[in-house]
PDB file of N, CA and C in Angstrom:
ATOM      1  N   MET A   1      57.658  40.150 -19.307  1.00  0.00           N
ATOM      2  CA  MET A   1      58.592  39.487 -20.204  1.00  0.00           C
ATOM      3  C   MET A   1      59.944  39.361 -19.497  1.00  0.00           C
ATOM      4  N   PRO A   2      60.474  38.135 -19.430  1.00  0.00           N
ATOM      5  CA  PRO A   2      61.775  37.954 -18.777  1.00  0.00           C
ATOM      6  C   PRO A   2      62.902  38.673 -19.519  1.00  0.00           C
ATOM      7  N   ASN A   3      63.904  38.981 -18.775  1.00  0.00           N
ATOM      8  CA  ASN A   3      65.074  39.670 -19.274  1.00  0.00           C
ATOM      9  C   ASN A   3      66.289  38.879 -18.827  1.00  0.00           C
ATOM     10  N   ARG A   4      67.316  38.816 -19.635  1.00  0.00           N
ATOM     11  CA  ARG A   4      68.556  38.193 -19.191  1.00  0.00           C
ATOM     12  C   ARG A   4      69.750  38.791 -19.907  1.00  0.00           C
ATOM     13  N   VAL A   5      70.918  38.550 -19.348  1.00  0.00           N
ATOM     14  CA  VAL A   5      72.149  39.044 -19.946  1.00  0.00           C
ATOM     15  C   VAL A   5      72.833  37.881 -20.649  1.00  0.00           C
ATOM     16  N   ILE A   6      73.094  38.064 -21.941  1.00  0.00           N
ATOM     17  CA  ILE A   6      73.794  37.058 -22.745  1.00  0.00           C
ATOM     18  C   ILE A   6      74.927  37.779 -23.455  1.00  0.00           C
ATOM     19  N   ALA A   7      76.141  37.281 -23.310  1.00  0.00           N
ATOM     20  CA  ALA A   7      77.324  37.880 -23.939  1.00  0.00           C
ATOM     21  C   ALA A   7      77.410  39.377 -23.616  1.00  0.00           C
ATOM     22  N   GLY A   8      77.074  39.720 -22.379  1.00  0.00           N
ATOM     23  CA  GLY A   8      77.178  41.097 -21.931  1.00  0.00           C
ATOM     24  C   GLY A   8      76.052  42.008 -22.385  1.00  0.00           C
ATOM     25  N   GLN A   9      75.066  41.464 -23.096  1.00  0.00           N
ATOM     26  CA  GLN A   9      73.942  42.260 -23.606  1.00  0.00           C
ATOM     27  C   GLN A   9      72.669  41.913 -22.837  1.00  0.00           C
ATOM     28  N   ASN A  10      71.924  42.918 -22.460  1.00  0.00           N
ATOM     29  CA  ASN A  10      70.644  42.721 -21.806  1.00  0.00           C
ATOM     30  C   ASN A  10      69.600  42.508 -22.903  1.00  0.00           C
ATOM     31  N   VAL A  11      68.941  41.341 -22.917  1.00  0.00           N
ATOM     32  CA  VAL A  11      67.983  41.014 -23.972  1.00  0.00           C
ATOM     33  C   VAL A  11      66.671  40.523 -23.374  1.00  0.00           C
ATOM     34  N   ASP A  12      65.600  40.661 -24.145  1.00  0.00           N
ATOM     35  CA  ASP A  12      64.286  40.171 -23.761  1.00  0.00           C
ATOM     36  C   ASP A  12      64.123  38.750 -24.305  1.00  0.00           C
ATOM     37  N   VAL A  13      63.668  37.847 -23.438  1.00  0.00           N
ATOM     38  CA  VAL A  13      63.439  36.459 -23.838  1.00  0.00           C
ATOM     39  C   VAL A  13      62.057  36.024 -23.363  1.00  0.00           C
ATOM     40  N   ASN A  14      61.558  34.943 -23.964  1.00  0.00           N
ATOM     41  CA  ASN A  14      60.307  34.380 -23.483  1.00  0.00           C
ATOM     42  C   ASN A  14      60.619  33.279 -22.472  1.00  0.00           C
ATOM     43  N   ASP A  15      59.594  32.591 -22.008  1.00  0.00           N
ATOM     44  CA  ASP A  15      59.778  31.563 -20.982  1.00  0.00           C
ATOM     45  C   ASP A  15      60.635  30.387 -21.446  1.00  0.00           C
ATOM     46  N   GLU A  16      60.752  30.199 -22.762  1.00  0.00           N
ATOM     47  CA  GLU A  16      61.560  29.100 -23.297  1.00  0.00           C
ATOM     48  C   GLU A  16      62.983  29.534 -23.666  1.00  0.00           C
ATOM     49  N   GLY A  17      63.298  30.803 -23.468  1.00  0.00           N
ATOM     50  CA  GLY A  17      64.643  31.290 -23.741  1.00  0.00           C
ATOM     51  C   GLY A  17      64.870  31.815 -25.149  1.00  0.00           C
ATOM     52  N   PHE A  18      63.802  31.955 -25.930  1.00  0.00           N
ATOM     53  CA  PHE A  18      63.926  32.528 -27.273  1.00  0.00           C
ATOM     54  C   PHE A  18      63.906  34.046 -27.162  1.00  0.00           C
ATOM     55  N   LEU A  19      64.787  34.715 -27.889  1.00  0.00           N
ATOM     56  CA  LEU A  19      64.753  36.169 -27.925  1.00  0.00           C
ATOM     57  C   LEU A  19      63.413  36.617 -28.485  1.00  0.00           C
ATOM     58  N   THR A  20      62.830  37.642 -27.886  1.00  0.00           N
ATOM     59  CA  THR A  20      61.550  38.143 -28.377  1.00  0.00           C
ATOM     60  C   THR A  20      61.731  39.286 -29.363  1.00  0.00           C
ATOM     61  N   ASP A  21      62.931  39.838 -29.439  1.00  0.00           N
ATOM     62  CA  ASP A  21      63.237  40.898 -30.397  1.00  0.00           C
ATOM     63  C   ASP A  21      64.494  40.502 -31.170  1.00  0.00           C
ATOM     64  N   PRO A  22      64.322  40.021 -32.410  1.00  0.00           N
ATOM     65  CA  PRO A  22      65.482  39.588 -33.201  1.00  0.00           C
ATOM     66  C   PRO A  22      66.533  40.682 -33.402  1.00  0.00           C
ATOM     67  N   ASN A  23      66.134  41.949 -33.266  1.00  0.00           N
ATOM     68  CA  ASN A  23      67.069  43.053 -33.443  1.00  0.00           C
ATOM     69  C   ASN A  23      68.076  43.160 -32.295  1.00  0.00           C
ATOM     70  N   GLN A  24      67.809  42.500 -31.177  1.00  0.00           N
ATOM     71  CA  GLN A  24      68.741  42.514 -30.052  1.00  0.00           C
ATOM     72  C   GLN A  24      69.866  41.490 -30.244  1.00  0.00           C
ATOM     73  N   TRP A  25      69.734  40.607 -31.216  1.00  0.00           N
ATOM     74  CA  TRP A  25      70.683  39.523 -31.435  1.00  0.00           C
ATOM     75  C   TRP A  25      71.998  40.042 -32.008  1.00  0.00           C
ATOM     76  N   THR A  26      73.101  39.430 -31.566  1.00  0.00           N
ATOM     77  CA  THR A  26      74.430  39.647 -32.156  1.00  0.00           C
ATOM     78  C   THR A  26      75.068  38.283 -32.365  1.00  0.00           C
ATOM     79  N   ARG A  27      76.113  38.246 -33.153  1.00  0.00           N
ATOM     80  CA  ARG A  27      76.816  36.977 -33.356  1.00  0.00           C
ATOM     81  C   ARG A  27      77.372  36.451 -32.033  1.00  0.00           C
ATOM     82  N   GLU A  28      77.787  37.349 -31.160  1.00  0.00           N
ATOM     83  CA  GLU A  28      78.318  36.939 -29.853  1.00  0.00           C
ATOM     84  C   GLU A  28      77.224  36.264 -29.021  1.00  0.00           C
ATOM     85  N   ILE A  29      76.011  36.791 -29.099  1.00  0.00           N
ATOM     86  CA  ILE A  29      74.885  36.151 -28.410  1.00  0.00           C
ATOM     87  C   ILE A  29      74.642  34.769 -29.011  1.00  0.00           C
ATOM     88  N   GLY A  30      74.708  34.668 -30.319  1.00  0.00           N
ATOM     89  CA  GLY A  30      74.543  33.370 -30.984  1.00  0.00           C
ATOM     90  C   GLY A  30      75.553  32.350 -30.498  1.00  0.00           C
ATOM     91  N   VAL A  31      76.798  32.772 -30.344  1.00  0.00           N
ATOM     92  CA  VAL A  31      77.853  31.875 -29.854  1.00  0.00           C
ATOM     93  C   VAL A  31      77.520  31.381 -28.447  1.00  0.00           C
ATOM     94  N   GLU A  32      77.080  32.289 -27.580  1.00  0.00           N
ATOM     95  CA  GLU A  32      76.735  31.909 -26.199  1.00  0.00           C
ATOM     96  C   GLU A  32      75.523  30.985 -26.159  1.00  0.00           C
ATOM     97  N   LEU A  33      74.514  31.278 -26.969  1.00  0.00           N
ATOM     98  CA  LEU A  33      73.325  30.416 -27.011  1.00  0.00           C
ATOM     99  C   LEU A  33      73.676  29.027 -27.541  1.00  0.00           C
ATOM    100  N   ALA A  34      74.590  28.969 -28.509  1.00  0.00           N
ATOM    101  CA  ALA A  34      75.027  27.670 -29.029  1.00  0.00           C
ATOM    102  C   ALA A  34      75.683  26.844 -27.928  1.00  0.00           C
ATOM    103  N   LYS A  35      76.517  27.480 -27.127  1.00  0.00           N
ATOM    104  CA  LYS A  35      77.166  26.774 -26.017  1.00  0.00           C
ATOM    105  C   LYS A  35      76.112  26.220 -25.065  1.00  0.00           C
ATOM    106  N   GLU A  36      75.072  27.018 -24.781  1.00  0.00           N
ATOM    107  CA  GLU A  36      73.986  26.548 -23.915  1.00  0.00           C
ATOM    108  C   GLU A  36      73.265  25.351 -24.524  1.00  0.00           C
ATOM    109  N   GLU A  37      73.254  25.282 -25.841  1.00  0.00           N
ATOM    110  CA  GLU A  37      72.602  24.172 -26.545  1.00  0.00           C
ATOM    111  C   GLU A  37      73.548  22.981 -26.749  1.00  0.00           C
ATOM    112  N   GLY A  38      74.741  23.052 -26.174  1.00  0.00           N
ATOM    113  CA  GLY A  38      75.682  21.943 -26.284  1.00  0.00           C
ATOM    114  C   GLY A  38      76.533  21.958 -27.540  1.00  0.00           C
ATOM    115  N   ILE A  39      76.612  23.099 -28.195  1.00  0.00           N
ATOM    116  CA  ILE A  39      77.439  23.241 -29.403  1.00  0.00           C
ATOM    117  C   ILE A  39      78.585  24.174 -29.029  1.00  0.00           C
ATOM    118  N   PRO A  40      79.760  23.602 -28.720  1.00  0.00           N
ATOM    119  CA  PRO A  40      80.854  24.414 -28.199  1.00  0.00           C
ATOM    120  C   PRO A  40      81.467  25.400 -29.186  1.00  0.00           C
ATOM    121  N   GLU A  41      81.371  25.095 -30.479  1.00  0.00           N
ATOM    122  CA  GLU A  41      81.974  25.975 -31.487  1.00  0.00           C
ATOM    123  C   GLU A  41      81.104  26.005 -32.731  1.00  0.00           C
ATOM    124  N   LEU A  42      80.890  27.197 -33.268  1.00  0.00           N
ATOM    125  CA  LEU A  42      80.107  27.337 -34.490  1.00  0.00           C
ATOM    126  C   LEU A  42      81.038  27.398 -35.699  1.00  0.00           C
ATOM    127  N   THR A  43      80.859  26.438 -36.592  1.00  0.00           N
ATOM    128  CA  THR A  43      81.667  26.342 -37.808  1.00  0.00           C
ATOM    129  C   THR A  43      81.015  27.166 -38.922  1.00  0.00           C
ATOM    130  N   PRO A  44      81.703  27.327 -40.051  1.00  0.00           N
ATOM    131  CA  PRO A  44      81.075  28.020 -41.181  1.00  0.00           C
ATOM    132  C   PRO A  44      79.750  27.372 -41.616  1.00  0.00           C
ATOM    133  N   GLU A  45      79.630  26.056 -41.491  1.00  0.00           N
ATOM    134  CA  GLU A  45      78.369  25.382 -41.840  1.00  0.00           C
ATOM    135  C   GLU A  45      77.254  25.783 -40.881  1.00  0.00           C
ATOM    136  N   HIS A  46      77.587  25.898 -39.586  1.00  0.00           N
ATOM    137  CA  HIS A  46      76.598  26.372 -38.617  1.00  0.00           C
ATOM    138  C   HIS A  46      76.134  27.774 -38.998  1.00  0.00           C
ATOM    139  N   TRP A  47      77.095  28.645 -39.286  1.00  0.00           N
ATOM    140  CA  TRP A  47      76.765  30.039 -39.610  1.00  0.00           C
ATOM    141  C   TRP A  47      75.934  30.139 -40.878  1.00  0.00           C
ATOM    142  N   LYS A  48      76.179  29.262 -41.836  1.00  0.00           N
ATOM    143  CA  LYS A  48      75.387  29.246 -43.069  1.00  0.00           C
ATOM    144  C   LYS A  48      73.910  29.042 -42.721  1.00  0.00           C
ATOM    145  N   VAL A  49      73.637  28.111 -41.825  1.00  0.00           N
ATOM    146  CA  VAL A  49      72.264  27.803 -41.421  1.00  0.00           C
ATOM    147  C   VAL A  49      71.681  28.946 -40.583  1.00  0.00           C
ATOM    148  N   ILE A  50      72.467  29.450 -39.636  1.00  0.00           N
ATOM    149  CA  ILE A  50      72.004  30.543 -38.769  1.00  0.00           C
ATOM    150  C   ILE A  50      71.705  31.793 -39.595  1.00  0.00           C
ATOM    151  N   ASP A  51      72.608  32.139 -40.497  1.00  0.00           N
ATOM    152  CA  ASP A  51      72.399  33.322 -41.344  1.00  0.00           C
ATOM    153  C   ASP A  51      71.169  33.144 -42.239  1.00  0.00           C
ATOM    154  N   PHE A  52      70.974  31.917 -42.747  1.00  0.00           N
ATOM    155  CA  PHE A  52      69.780  31.643 -43.540  1.00  0.00           C
ATOM    156  C   PHE A  52      68.524  31.851 -42.701  1.00  0.00           C
ATOM    157  N   ALA A  53      68.520  31.299 -41.488  1.00  0.00           N
ATOM    158  CA  ALA A  53      67.341  31.407 -40.613  1.00  0.00           C
ATOM    159  C   ALA A  53      67.002  32.868 -40.331  1.00  0.00           C
ATOM    160  N   ARG A  54      68.016  33.678 -40.078  1.00  0.00           N
ATOM    161  CA  ARG A  54      67.776  35.100 -39.795  1.00  0.00           C
ATOM    162  C   ARG A  54      67.222  35.813 -41.031  1.00  0.00           C
ATOM    163  N   ALA A  55      67.818  35.569 -42.181  1.00  0.00           N
ATOM    164  CA  ALA A  55      67.362  36.216 -43.419  1.00  0.00           C
ATOM    165  C   ALA A  55      65.961  35.748 -43.797  1.00  0.00           C
ATOM    166  N   ASP A  56      65.699  34.467 -43.648  1.00  0.00           N
ATOM    167  CA  ASP A  56      64.398  33.917 -44.002  1.00  0.00           C
ATOM    168  C   ASP A  56      63.312  34.460 -43.071  1.00  0.00           C
ATOM    169  N   THR A  57      63.625  34.556 -41.792  1.00  0.00           N
ATOM    170  CA  THR A  57      62.664  35.097 -40.833  1.00  0.00           C
ATOM    171  C   THR A  57      62.361  36.556 -41.161  1.00  0.00           C
ATOM    172  N   LYS A  58      63.383  37.302 -41.518  1.00  0.00           N
ATOM    173  CA  LYS A  58      63.178  38.708 -41.869  1.00  0.00           C
ATOM    174  C   LYS A  58      62.285  38.826 -43.112  1.00  0.00           C
ATOM    175  N   ALA A  59      62.491  37.924 -44.070  1.00  0.00           N
ATOM    176  CA  ALA A  59      61.726  37.971 -45.319  1.00  0.00           C
ATOM    177  C   ALA A  59      60.292  37.471 -45.164  1.00  0.00           C
ATOM    178  N   THR A  60      60.083  36.444 -44.341  1.00  0.00           N
ATOM    179  CA  THR A  60      58.766  35.809 -44.252  1.00  0.00           C
ATOM    180  C   THR A  60      57.976  36.184 -42.998  1.00  0.00           C
ATOM    181  N   GLY A  61      58.685  36.673 -41.986  1.00  0.00           N
ATOM    182  CA  GLY A  61      58.007  37.026 -40.743  1.00  0.00           C
ATOM    183  C   GLY A  61      57.838  35.880 -39.776  1.00  0.00           C
ATOM    184  N   LYS A  62      58.380  34.700 -40.132  1.00  0.00           N
ATOM    185  CA  LYS A  62      58.313  33.571 -39.205  1.00  0.00           C
ATOM    186  C   LYS A  62      59.558  32.702 -39.337  1.00  0.00           C
ATOM    187  N   SER A  63      59.845  31.974 -38.272  1.00  0.00           N
ATOM    188  CA  SER A  63      61.038  31.126 -38.262  1.00  0.00           C
ATOM    189  C   SER A  63      60.892  29.980 -39.248  1.00  0.00           C
ATOM    190  N   PRO A  64      61.965  29.626 -39.932  1.00  0.00           N
ATOM    191  CA  PRO A  64      61.877  28.527 -40.898  1.00  0.00           C
ATOM    192  C   PRO A  64      61.770  27.172 -40.204  1.00  0.00           C
ATOM    193  N   THR A  65      61.024  26.294 -40.824  1.00  0.00           N
ATOM    194  CA  THR A  65      60.903  24.927 -40.341  1.00  0.00           C
ATOM    195  C   THR A  65      62.123  24.130 -40.791  1.00  0.00           C
ATOM    196  N   LEU A  66      62.258  22.936 -40.239  1.00  0.00           N
ATOM    197  CA  LEU A  66      63.363  22.052 -40.631  1.00  0.00           C
ATOM    198  C   LEU A  66      63.323  21.789 -42.135  1.00  0.00           C
ATOM    199  N   ARG A  67      62.149  21.521 -42.664  1.00  0.00           N
ATOM    200  CA  ARG A  67      62.010  21.233 -44.097  1.00  0.00           C
ATOM    201  C   ARG A  67      62.444  22.438 -44.938  1.00  0.00           C
ATOM    202  N   ARG A  68      62.049  23.635 -44.517  1.00  0.00           N
ATOM    203  CA  ARG A  68      62.415  24.841 -45.271  1.00  0.00           C
ATOM    204  C   ARG A  68      63.926  25.081 -45.223  1.00  0.00           C
ATOM    205  N   ILE A  69      64.527  24.912 -44.046  1.00  0.00           N
ATOM    206  CA  ILE A  69      65.975  25.088 -43.934  1.00  0.00           C
ATOM    207  C   ILE A  69      66.681  24.112 -44.862  1.00  0.00           C
ATOM    208  N   SER A  70      66.253  22.854 -44.813  1.00  0.00           N
ATOM    209  CA  SER A  70      66.877  21.821 -45.633  1.00  0.00           C
ATOM    210  C   SER A  70      66.742  22.135 -47.122  1.00  0.00           C
ATOM    211  N   ALA A  71      65.555  22.537 -47.539  1.00  0.00           N
ATOM    212  CA  ALA A  71      65.305  22.795 -48.963  1.00  0.00           C
ATOM    213  C   ALA A  71      65.948  24.089 -49.451  1.00  0.00           C
ATOM    214  N   GLN A  72      65.885  25.144 -48.638  1.00  0.00           N
ATOM    215  CA  GLN A  72      66.320  26.461 -49.105  1.00  0.00           C
ATOM    216  C   GLN A  72      67.780  26.798 -48.794  1.00  0.00           C
ATOM    217  N   ALA A  73      68.311  26.252 -47.700  1.00  0.00           N
ATOM    218  CA  ALA A  73      69.693  26.579 -47.316  1.00  0.00           C
ATOM    219  C   ALA A  73      70.701  25.613 -47.927  1.00  0.00           C
ATOM    220  N   GLY A  74      70.205  24.537 -48.529  1.00  0.00           N
ATOM    221  CA  GLY A  74      71.107  23.587 -49.166  1.00  0.00           C
ATOM    222  C   GLY A  74      71.872  22.715 -48.186  1.00  0.00           C
ATOM    223  N   VAL A  75      71.268  22.456 -47.027  1.00  0.00           N
ATOM    224  CA  VAL A  75      71.882  21.594 -46.017  1.00  0.00           C
ATOM    225  C   VAL A  75      70.918  20.435 -45.779  1.00  0.00           C
ATOM    226  N   SER A  76      71.390  19.224 -45.960  1.00  0.00           N
ATOM    227  CA  SER A  76      70.502  18.070 -45.828  1.00  0.00           C
ATOM    228  C   SER A  76      69.991  17.921 -44.395  1.00  0.00           C
ATOM    229  N   THR A  77      68.872  17.251 -44.262  1.00  0.00           N
ATOM    230  CA  THR A  77      68.302  17.005 -42.938  1.00  0.00           C
ATOM    231  C   THR A  77      69.303  16.239 -42.077  1.00  0.00           C
ATOM    232  N   LYS A  78      69.979  15.285 -42.662  1.00  0.00           N
ATOM    233  CA  LYS A  78      70.987  14.511 -41.932  1.00  0.00           C
ATOM    234  C   LYS A  78      72.086  15.432 -41.402  1.00  0.00           C
ATOM    235  N   ASP A  79      72.547  16.357 -42.244  1.00  0.00           N
ATOM    236  CA  ASP A  79      73.591  17.297 -41.817  1.00  0.00           C
ATOM    237  C   ASP A  79      73.080  18.262 -40.748  1.00  0.00           C
ATOM    238  N   LEU A  80      71.812  18.673 -40.866  1.00  0.00           N
ATOM    239  CA  LEU A  80      71.238  19.556 -39.844  1.00  0.00           C
ATOM    240  C   LEU A  80      71.225  18.873 -38.475  1.00  0.00           C
ATOM    241  N   PHE A  81      70.876  17.572 -38.461  1.00  0.00           N
ATOM    242  CA  PHE A  81      70.880  16.837 -37.196  1.00  0.00           C
ATOM    243  C   PHE A  81      72.294  16.663 -36.658  1.00  0.00           C
ATOM    244  N   ALA A  82      73.275  16.578 -37.550  1.00  0.00           N
ATOM    245  CA  ALA A  82      74.668  16.482 -37.104  1.00  0.00           C
ATOM    246  C   ALA A  82      75.154  17.820 -36.545  1.00  0.00           C
ATOM    247  N   LEU A  83      74.763  18.910 -37.188  1.00  0.00           N
ATOM    248  CA  LEU A  83      75.185  20.239 -36.742  1.00  0.00           C
ATOM    249  C   LEU A  83      74.453  20.692 -35.479  1.00  0.00           C
ATOM    250  N   PHE A  84      73.162  20.408 -35.419  1.00  0.00           N
ATOM    251  CA  PHE A  84      72.297  20.848 -34.314  1.00  0.00           C
ATOM    252  C   PHE A  84      71.527  19.641 -33.785  1.00  0.00           C
ATOM    253  N   PRO A  85      72.183  18.767 -33.019  1.00  0.00           N
ATOM    254  CA  PRO A  85      71.564  17.514 -32.573  1.00  0.00           C
ATOM    255  C   PRO A  85      70.289  17.725 -31.739  1.00  0.00           C
ATOM    256  N   LYS A  86      69.392  16.765 -31.858  1.00  0.00           N
ATOM    257  CA  LYS A  86      68.179  16.712 -31.039  1.00  0.00           C
ATOM    258  C   LYS A  86      67.303  17.947 -31.192  1.00  0.00           C
ATOM    259  N   GLY A  87      66.694  18.079 -32.335  1.00  0.00           N
ATOM    260  CA  GLY A  87      65.784  19.192 -32.566  1.00  0.00           C
ATOM    261  C   GLY A  87      66.416  20.362 -33.272  1.00  0.00           C
ATOM    262  N   PRO A  88      66.935  20.149 -34.478  1.00  0.00           N
ATOM    263  CA  PRO A  88      67.681  21.208 -35.154  1.00  0.00           C
ATOM    264  C   PRO A  88      66.900  22.479 -35.442  1.00  0.00           C
ATOM    265  N   ALA A  89      65.663  22.414 -35.871  1.00  0.00           N
ATOM    266  CA  ALA A  89      64.932  23.645 -36.214  1.00  0.00           C
ATOM    267  C   ALA A  89      64.770  24.539 -34.983  1.00  0.00           C
ATOM    268  N   LYS A  90      64.449  23.931 -33.870  1.00  0.00           N
ATOM    269  CA  LYS A  90      64.268  24.689 -32.628  1.00  0.00           C
ATOM    270  C   LYS A  90      65.598  25.282 -32.161  1.00  0.00           C
ATOM    271  N   LYS A  91      66.671  24.493 -32.239  1.00  0.00           N
ATOM    272  CA  LYS A  91      67.989  24.987 -31.830  1.00  0.00           C
ATOM    273  C   LYS A  91      68.475  26.099 -32.750  1.00  0.00           C
ATOM    274  N   VAL A  92      68.286  25.927 -34.044  1.00  0.00           N
ATOM    275  CA  VAL A  92      68.698  26.959 -34.999  1.00  0.00           C
ATOM    276  C   VAL A  92      67.964  28.260 -34.683  1.00  0.00           C
ATOM    277  N   ALA A  93      66.656  28.176 -34.459  1.00  0.00           N
ATOM    278  CA  ALA A  93      65.859  29.368 -34.180  1.00  0.00           C
ATOM    279  C   ALA A  93      66.341  30.055 -32.906  1.00  0.00           C
ATOM    280  N   ARG A  94      66.599  29.279 -31.870  1.00  0.00           N
ATOM    281  CA  ARG A  94      67.032  29.880 -30.604  1.00  0.00           C
ATOM    282  C   ARG A  94      68.399  30.544 -30.765  1.00  0.00           C
ATOM    283  N   ILE A  95      69.346  29.841 -31.388  1.00  0.00           N
ATOM    284  CA  ILE A  95      70.697  30.378 -31.578  1.00  0.00           C
ATOM    285  C   ILE A  95      70.681  31.595 -32.505  1.00  0.00           C
ATOM    286  N   ALA A  96      69.810  31.571 -33.520  1.00  0.00           N
ATOM    287  CA  ALA A  96      69.719  32.670 -34.489  1.00  0.00           C
ATOM    288  C   ALA A  96      68.949  33.872 -33.949  1.00  0.00           C
ATOM    289  N   GLY A  97      68.334  33.715 -32.789  1.00  0.00           N
ATOM    290  CA  GLY A  97      67.620  34.837 -32.195  1.00  0.00           C
ATOM    291  C   GLY A  97      66.277  35.140 -32.824  1.00  0.00           C
ATOM    292  N   VAL A  98      65.692  34.120 -33.445  1.00  0.00           N
ATOM    293  CA  VAL A  98      64.356  34.277 -34.032  1.00  0.00           C
ATOM    294  C   VAL A  98      63.375  33.435 -33.234  1.00  0.00           C
ATOM    295  N   GLY A  99      62.114  33.628 -33.427  1.00  0.00           N
ATOM    296  CA  GLY A  99      61.110  32.897 -32.657  1.00  0.00           C
ATOM    297  C   GLY A  99      61.103  31.411 -32.941  1.00  0.00           C
ATOM    298  N   LYS A 100      60.436  30.704 -32.056  1.00  0.00           N
ATOM    299  CA  LYS A 100      60.292  29.264 -32.192  1.00  0.00           C
ATOM    300  C   LYS A 100      59.479  28.944 -33.453  1.00  0.00           C
ATOM    301  N   PRO A 101      59.952  27.988 -34.262  1.00  0.00           N
ATOM    302  CA  PRO A 101      59.223  27.631 -35.486  1.00  0.00           C
ATOM    303  C   PRO A 101      57.850  27.048 -35.169  1.00  0.00           C
ATOM    304  N   GLU A 102      56.892  27.307 -36.050  1.00  0.00           N
ATOM    305  CA  GLU A 102      55.563  26.733 -35.892  1.00  0.00           C
ATOM    306  C   GLU A 102      55.664  25.221 -35.956  1.00  0.00           C
ATOM    307  N   GLY A 103      54.919  24.551 -35.104  1.00  0.00           N
ATOM    308  CA  GLY A 103      54.916  23.096 -35.097  1.00  0.00           C
ATOM    309  C   GLY A 103      55.939  22.474 -34.179  1.00  0.00           C
ATOM    310  N   CYS A 104      56.869  23.246 -33.636  1.00  0.00           N
ATOM    311  CA  CYS A 104      57.855  22.718 -32.694  1.00  0.00           C
ATOM    312  C   CYS A 104      57.216  22.648 -31.310  1.00  0.00           C
ATOM    313  N   VAL A 105      57.465  21.543 -30.621  1.00  0.00           N
ATOM    314  CA  VAL A 105      56.943  21.411 -29.255  1.00  0.00           C
ATOM    315  C   VAL A 105      57.984  21.811 -28.249  1.00  0.00           C
TER     316      VAL A 105
END
């Protein structure tokens, strides 16, 4: 399993860069991962989605899909694409430190 340092923390990641242990995640790691995804600053709306993804993953055992985020977090699909361009569910999962959502390529 690959290892890397993000925001000064040594974390386990898979070949696609997703954290393999959500417990290693911190908000500082989320900020750094967002920058890698081309999101220079996380706004309160970003955090609303990220916090939802983390809580939902903890409750269900799997990363939320785009449809679930849109329906349960109260953020429209259009807004999700504006906040996390080009593949929002996958970007949200990576930034939130949860696994890749089922069905994402």
